[in-house]
Structures are given as C-alpha cells and as structure tokens.
Amino acid sequence: MSDNISFNLSEVGYNVAKYLPFGPVRDVMPYLIRRAEENTSVAGQTSRELNLISAERKRRKV
C-alpha cells in the first residue's frame, strides 16, 4: 500500500498496518523480487511516489 494511501486512511480514522519483511539481505531479496514480479503496478507506484516526494519537497522549498 502506498504511503499516501496509508496516510490518508489513517488521517480519517482507519487503522493501517504495513507488513515489513526483515532479515539478512540474502533471505529477504528473493521474497521482495517475487512480490515485485507478482505486483505489476510496482513501476507505476514507484513513479507516483517519486512525484509525490518531489511535490512535497517543492512545497517545503527544500
């Protein structure tokens, strides 16, 4: 779930949780690669997140 979606849901009172895999890189990377392959919208989400970060930086004049 994108951060902007999580943030907006939490702002209106929904409980939001994120799953965060952790551990040695050699153990975690195969899982992350598989999830990226399964989730065909990853590229679009990344682009959208970068645009949101850029807009926020401009808003803050950083």
PDB file of N, CA and C in Angstrom:
ATOM      1  N   MET A   1       0.851  -1.173   0.000  1.00  0.00           N
ATOM      2  CA  MET A   1       0.000   0.000   0.000  1.00  0.00           C
ATOM      3  C   MET A   1       0.895   1.233   0.000  1.00  0.00           C
ATOM      4  N   SER A   2       0.625   2.129  -0.884  1.00  0.00           N
ATOM      5  CA  SER A   2       1.430   3.342  -0.984  1.00  0.00           C
ATOM      6  C   SER A   2       1.316   4.173   0.284  1.00  0.00           C
ATOM      7  N   ASP A   3       2.390   4.909   0.588  1.00  0.00           N
ATOM      8  CA  ASP A   3       2.393   5.729   1.796  1.00  0.00           C
ATOM      9  C   ASP A   3       1.297   6.777   1.789  1.00  0.00           C
ATOM     10  N   ASN A   4       1.034   7.380   0.628  1.00  0.00           N
ATOM     11  CA  ASN A   4      -0.006   8.405   0.604  1.00  0.00           C
ATOM     12  C   ASN A   4      -1.382   7.804   0.887  1.00  0.00           C
ATOM     13  N   ILE A   5      -1.617   6.584   0.460  1.00  0.00           N
ATOM     14  CA  ILE A   5      -2.891   5.915   0.751  1.00  0.00           C
ATOM     15  C   ILE A   5      -2.968   5.586   2.240  1.00  0.00           C
ATOM     16  N   SER A   6      -1.899   5.033   2.796  1.00  0.00           N
ATOM     17  CA  SER A   6      -1.869   4.707   4.226  1.00  0.00           C
ATOM     18  C   SER A   6      -2.090   5.956   5.067  1.00  0.00           C
ATOM     19  N   PHE A   7      -1.398   7.026   4.728  1.00  0.00           N
ATOM     20  CA  PHE A   7      -1.511   8.269   5.487  1.00  0.00           C
ATOM     21  C   PHE A   7      -2.935   8.799   5.458  1.00  0.00           C
ATOM     22  N   ASN A   8      -3.514   8.876   4.266  1.00  0.00           N
ATOM     23  CA  ASN A   8      -4.865   9.413   4.147  1.00  0.00           C
ATOM     24  C   ASN A   8      -5.889   8.543   4.860  1.00  0.00           C
ATOM     25  N   LEU A   9      -5.742   7.234   4.792  1.00  0.00           N
ATOM     26  CA  LEU A   9      -6.660   6.355   5.524  1.00  0.00           C
ATOM     27  C   LEU A   9      -6.534   6.559   7.026  1.00  0.00           C
ATOM     28  N   SER A  10      -5.307   6.667   7.517  1.00  0.00           N
ATOM     29  CA  SER A  10      -5.115   6.855   8.955  1.00  0.00           C
ATOM     30  C   SER A  10      -5.631   8.210   9.412  1.00  0.00           C
ATOM     31  N   GLU A  11      -5.517   9.223   8.550  1.00  0.00           N
ATOM     32  CA  GLU A  11      -5.999  10.563   8.892  1.00  0.00           C
ATOM     33  C   GLU A  11      -7.506  10.604   9.094  1.00  0.00           C
ATOM     34  N   VAL A  12      -8.235   9.720   8.404  1.00  0.00           N
ATOM     35  CA  VAL A  12      -9.691   9.715   8.552  1.00  0.00           C
ATOM     36  C   VAL A  12     -10.171   8.644   9.531  1.00  0.00           C
ATOM     37  N   GLY A  13      -9.227   8.057  10.276  1.00  0.00           N
ATOM     38  CA  GLY A  13      -9.607   7.182  11.375  1.00  0.00           C
ATOM     39  C   GLY A  13      -9.482   5.690  11.165  1.00  0.00           C
ATOM     40  N   TYR A  14      -9.032   5.260  10.008  1.00  0.00           N
ATOM     41  CA  TYR A  14      -8.852   3.829   9.784  1.00  0.00           C
ATOM     42  C   TYR A  14      -7.562   3.357  10.443  1.00  0.00           C
ATOM     43  N   ASN A  15      -7.575   2.135  10.939  1.00  0.00           N
ATOM     44  CA  ASN A  15      -6.342   1.519  11.427  1.00  0.00           C
ATOM     45  C   ASN A  15      -5.575   1.000  10.219  1.00  0.00           C
ATOM     46  N   VAL A  16      -4.315   1.360  10.125  1.00  0.00           N
ATOM     47  CA  VAL A  16      -3.487   0.965   8.989  1.00  0.00           C
ATOM     48  C   VAL A  16      -2.261   0.238   9.511  1.00  0.00           C
ATOM     49  N   ALA A  17      -1.953  -0.886   8.896  1.00  0.00           N
ATOM     50  CA  ALA A  17      -0.753  -1.641   9.253  1.00  0.00           C
ATOM     51  C   ALA A  17      -0.001  -1.969   7.971  1.00  0.00           C
ATOM     52  N   LYS A  18       1.308  -2.021   8.077  1.00  0.00           N
ATOM     53  CA  LYS A  18       2.135  -2.406   6.931  1.00  0.00           C
ATOM     54  C   LYS A  18       2.991  -3.593   7.327  1.00  0.00           C
ATOM     55  N   TYR A  19       3.131  -4.483   6.385  1.00  0.00           N
ATOM     56  CA  TYR A  19       3.958  -5.659   6.570  1.00  0.00           C
ATOM     57  C   TYR A  19       5.364  -5.305   6.127  1.00  0.00           C
ATOM     58  N   LEU A  20       6.332  -5.525   6.989  1.00  0.00           N
ATOM     59  CA  LEU A  20       7.711  -5.177   6.672  1.00  0.00           C
ATOM     60  C   LEU A  20       8.601  -6.401   6.853  1.00  0.00           C
ATOM     61  N   PRO A  21       8.990  -7.033   5.740  1.00  0.00           N
ATOM     62  CA  PRO A  21       9.905  -8.164   5.870  1.00  0.00           C
ATOM     63  C   PRO A  21      11.293  -7.667   6.286  1.00  0.00           C
ATOM     64  N   PHE A  22      11.934  -8.423   7.140  1.00  0.00           N
ATOM     65  CA  PHE A  22      13.280  -8.037   7.561  1.00  0.00           C
ATOM     66  C   PHE A  22      14.123  -9.279   7.745  1.00  0.00           C
ATOM     67  N   GLY A  23      15.419  -9.082   7.752  1.00  0.00           N
ATOM     68  CA  GLY A  23      16.357 -10.178   7.918  1.00  0.00           C
ATOM     69  C   GLY A  23      17.552  -9.960   7.016  1.00  0.00           C
ATOM     70  N   PRO A  24      18.397 -10.965   6.940  1.00  0.00           N
ATOM     71  CA  PRO A  24      19.569 -10.853   6.068  1.00  0.00           C
ATOM     72  C   PRO A  24      19.141 -10.643   4.616  1.00  0.00           C
ATOM     73  N   VAL A  25      19.885  -9.811   3.908  1.00  0.00           N
ATOM     74  CA  VAL A  25      19.551  -9.478   2.523  1.00  0.00           C
ATOM     75  C   VAL A  25      19.390 -10.740   1.684  1.00  0.00           C
ATOM     76  N   ARG A  26      20.250 -11.715   1.879  1.00  0.00           N
ATOM     77  CA  ARG A  26      20.168 -12.938   1.056  1.00  0.00           C
ATOM     78  C   ARG A  26      18.858 -13.690   1.277  1.00  0.00           C
ATOM     79  N   ASP A  27      18.230 -13.490   2.437  1.00  0.00           N
ATOM     80  CA  ASP A  27      16.957 -14.152   2.723  1.00  0.00           C
ATOM     81  C   ASP A  27      15.761 -13.319   2.267  1.00  0.00           C
ATOM     82  N   VAL A  28      15.894 -12.014   2.330  1.00  0.00           N
ATOM     83  CA  VAL A  28      14.768 -11.117   2.040  1.00  0.00           C
ATOM     84  C   VAL A  28      14.622 -10.819   0.548  1.00  0.00           C
ATOM     85  N   MET A  29      15.726 -10.694  -0.169  1.00  0.00           N
ATOM     86  CA  MET A  29      15.665 -10.304  -1.578  1.00  0.00           C
ATOM     87  C   MET A  29      14.823 -11.235  -2.450  1.00  0.00           C
ATOM     88  N   PRO A  30      14.942 -12.551  -2.320  1.00  0.00           N
ATOM     89  CA  PRO A  30      14.088 -13.405  -3.159  1.00  0.00           C
ATOM     90  C   PRO A  30      12.597 -13.127  -2.945  1.00  0.00           C
ATOM     91  N   TYR A  31      12.220 -12.895  -1.705  1.00  0.00           N
ATOM     92  CA  TYR A  31      10.818 -12.568  -1.406  1.00  0.00           C
ATOM     93  C   TYR A  31      10.422 -11.247  -2.068  1.00  0.00           C
ATOM     94  N   LEU A  32      11.257 -10.218  -1.916  1.00  0.00           N
ATOM     95  CA  LEU A  32      10.934  -8.912  -2.486  1.00  0.00           C
ATOM     96  C   LEU A  32      10.873  -8.955  -4.011  1.00  0.00           C
ATOM     97  N   ILE A  33      11.777  -9.695  -4.622  1.00  0.00           N
ATOM     98  CA  ILE A  33      11.763  -9.837  -6.081  1.00  0.00           C
ATOM     99  C   ILE A  33      10.490 -10.539  -6.528  1.00  0.00           C
ATOM    100  N   ARG A  34      10.116 -11.604  -5.825  1.00  0.00           N
ATOM    101  CA  ARG A  34       8.893 -12.334  -6.174  1.00  0.00           C
ATOM    102  C   ARG A  34       7.676 -11.424  -6.041  1.00  0.00           C
ATOM    103  N   ARG A  35       7.607 -10.650  -4.968  1.00  0.00           N
ATOM    104  CA  ARG A  35       6.473  -9.736  -4.766  1.00  0.00           C
ATOM    105  C   ARG A  35       6.429  -8.679  -5.868  1.00  0.00           C
ATOM    106  N   ALA A  36       7.590  -8.163  -6.261  1.00  0.00           N
ATOM    107  CA  ALA A  36       7.627  -7.172  -7.334  1.00  0.00           C
ATOM    108  C   ALA A  36       7.135  -7.770  -8.643  1.00  0.00           C
ATOM    109  N   GLU A  37       7.498  -9.015  -8.911  1.00  0.00           N
ATOM    110  CA  GLU A  37       7.038  -9.676 -10.137  1.00  0.00           C
ATOM    111  C   GLU A  37       5.544  -9.931 -10.093  1.00  0.00           C
ATOM    112  N   GLU A  38       5.014 -10.271  -8.917  1.00  0.00           N
ATOM    113  CA  GLU A  38       3.583 -10.527  -8.767  1.00  0.00           C
ATOM    114  C   GLU A  38       2.773  -9.249  -8.877  1.00  0.00           C
ATOM    115  N   ASN A  39       3.333  -8.138  -8.412  1.00  0.00           N
ATOM    116  CA  ASN A  39       2.618  -6.873  -8.376  1.00  0.00           C
ATOM    117  C   ASN A  39       3.009  -6.049  -9.593  1.00  0.00           C
ATOM    118  N   THR A  40       2.217  -6.148 -10.637  1.00  0.00           N
ATOM    119  CA  THR A  40       2.567  -5.490 -11.893  1.00  0.00           C
ATOM    120  C   THR A  40       2.452  -3.976 -11.819  1.00  0.00           C
ATOM    121  N   SER A  41       1.858  -3.444 -10.764  1.00  0.00           N
ATOM    122  CA  SER A  41       1.713  -1.993 -10.653  1.00  0.00           C
ATOM    123  C   SER A  41       2.883  -1.352  -9.921  1.00  0.00           C
ATOM    124  N   VAL A  42       3.927  -2.121  -9.586  1.00  0.00           N
ATOM    125  CA  VAL A  42       5.060  -1.581  -8.831  1.00  0.00           C
ATOM    126  C   VAL A  42       5.688  -0.397  -9.556  1.00  0.00           C
ATOM    127  N   ALA A  43       5.905  -0.516 -10.846  1.00  0.00           N
ATOM    128  CA  ALA A  43       6.546   0.572 -11.596  1.00  0.00           C
ATOM    129  C   ALA A  43       5.709   1.843 -11.522  1.00  0.00           C
ATOM    130  N   GLY A  44       4.418   1.721 -11.674  1.00  0.00           N
ATOM    131  CA  GLY A  44       3.544   2.876 -11.582  1.00  0.00           C
ATOM    132  C   GLY A  44       3.526   3.476 -10.189  1.00  0.00           C
ATOM    133  N   GLN A  45       3.557   2.623  -9.178  1.00  0.00           N
ATOM    134  CA  GLN A  45       3.562   3.112  -7.798  1.00  0.00           C
ATOM    135  C   GLN A  45       4.851   3.863  -7.506  1.00  0.00           C
ATOM    136  N   THR A  46       5.967   3.335  -7.976  1.00  0.00           N
ATOM    137  CA  THR A  46       7.252   3.982  -7.730  1.00  0.00           C
ATOM    138  C   THR A  46       7.271   5.363  -8.356  1.00  0.00           C
ATOM    139  N   SER A  47       6.799   5.452  -9.582  1.00  0.00           N
ATOM    140  CA  SER A  47       6.756   6.735 -10.275  1.00  0.00           C
ATOM    141  C   SER A  47       5.850   7.711  -9.527  1.00  0.00           C
ATOM    142  N   ARG A  48       4.701   7.237  -9.093  1.00  0.00           N
ATOM    143  CA  ARG A  48       3.768   8.097  -8.362  1.00  0.00           C
ATOM    144  C   ARG A  48       4.379   8.558  -7.049  1.00  0.00           C
ATOM    145  N   GLU A  49       5.032   7.648  -6.323  1.00  0.00           N
ATOM    146  CA  GLU A  49       5.665   8.006  -5.048  1.00  0.00           C
ATOM    147  C   GLU A  49       6.756   9.057  -5.261  1.00  0.00           C
ATOM    148  N   LEU A  50       7.560   8.886  -6.302  1.00  0.00           N
ATOM    149  CA  LEU A  50       8.612   9.873  -6.583  1.00  0.00           C
ATOM    150  C   LEU A  50       8.013  11.231  -6.906  1.00  0.00           C
ATOM    151  N   ASN A  51       6.917  11.248  -7.644  1.00  0.00           N
ATOM    152  CA  ASN A  51       6.246  12.513  -7.953  1.00  0.00           C
ATOM    153  C   ASN A  51       5.705  13.167  -6.687  1.00  0.00           C
ATOM    154  N   LEU A  52       5.148  12.364  -5.783  1.00  0.00           N
ATOM    155  CA  LEU A  52       4.631  12.912  -4.530  1.00  0.00           C
ATOM    156  C   LEU A  52       5.757  13.460  -3.657  1.00  0.00           C
ATOM    157  N   ILE A  53       6.877  12.757  -3.622  1.00  0.00           N
ATOM    158  CA  ILE A  53       8.032  13.233  -2.848  1.00  0.00           C
ATOM    159  C   ILE A  53       8.539  14.542  -3.435  1.00  0.00           C
ATOM    160  N   SER A  54       8.634  14.608  -4.754  1.00  0.00           N
ATOM    161  CA  SER A  54       9.092  15.823  -5.411  1.00  0.00           C
ATOM    162  C   SER A  54       8.158  16.991  -5.111  1.00  0.00           C
ATOM    163  N   ALA A  55       6.867  16.748  -5.183  1.00  0.00           N
ATOM    164  CA  ALA A  55       5.892  17.807  -4.892  1.00  0.00           C
ATOM    165  C   ALA A  55       6.011  18.269  -3.444  1.00  0.00           C
ATOM    166  N   GLU A  56       6.214  17.345  -2.529  1.00  0.00           N
ATOM    167  CA  GLU A  56       6.347  17.712  -1.119  1.00  0.00           C
ATOM    168  C   GLU A  56       7.616  18.511  -0.880  1.00  0.00           C
ATOM    169  N   ARG A  57       8.693  18.135  -1.537  1.00  0.00           N
ATOM    170  CA  ARG A  57       9.941  18.893  -1.400  1.00  0.00           C
ATOM    171  C   ARG A  57       9.757  20.319  -1.919  1.00  0.00           C
ATOM    172  N   LYS A  58       9.068  20.465  -3.040  1.00  0.00           N
ATOM    173  CA  LYS A  58       8.797  21.796  -3.571  1.00  0.00           C
ATOM    174  C   LYS A  58       7.920  22.593  -2.628  1.00  0.00           C
ATOM    175  N   ARG A  59       6.916  21.912  -2.034  1.00  0.00           N
ATOM    176  CA  ARG A  59       6.038  22.583  -1.083  1.00  0.00           C
ATOM    177  C   ARG A  59       6.824  23.101   0.116  1.00  0.00           C
ATOM    178  N   ARG A  60       7.793  22.307   0.554  1.00  0.00           N
ATOM    179  CA  ARG A  60       8.621  22.709   1.692  1.00  0.00           C
ATOM    180  C   ARG A  60       9.776  23.603   1.273  1.00  0.00           C
ATOM    181  N   LYS A  61       9.955  23.768  -0.031  1.00  0.00           N
ATOM    182  CA  LYS A  61      11.048  24.572  -0.586  1.00  0.00           C
ATOM    183  C   LYS A  61      12.409  24.079  -0.130  1.00  0.00           C
ATOM    184  N   VAL A  62      12.576  22.748  -0.227  1.00  0.00           N
ATOM    185  CA  VAL A  62      13.847  22.133   0.171  1.00  0.00           C
ATOM    186  C   VAL A  62      14.754  22.056  -1.032  1.00  0.00           C
TER     187      VAL A  62
END
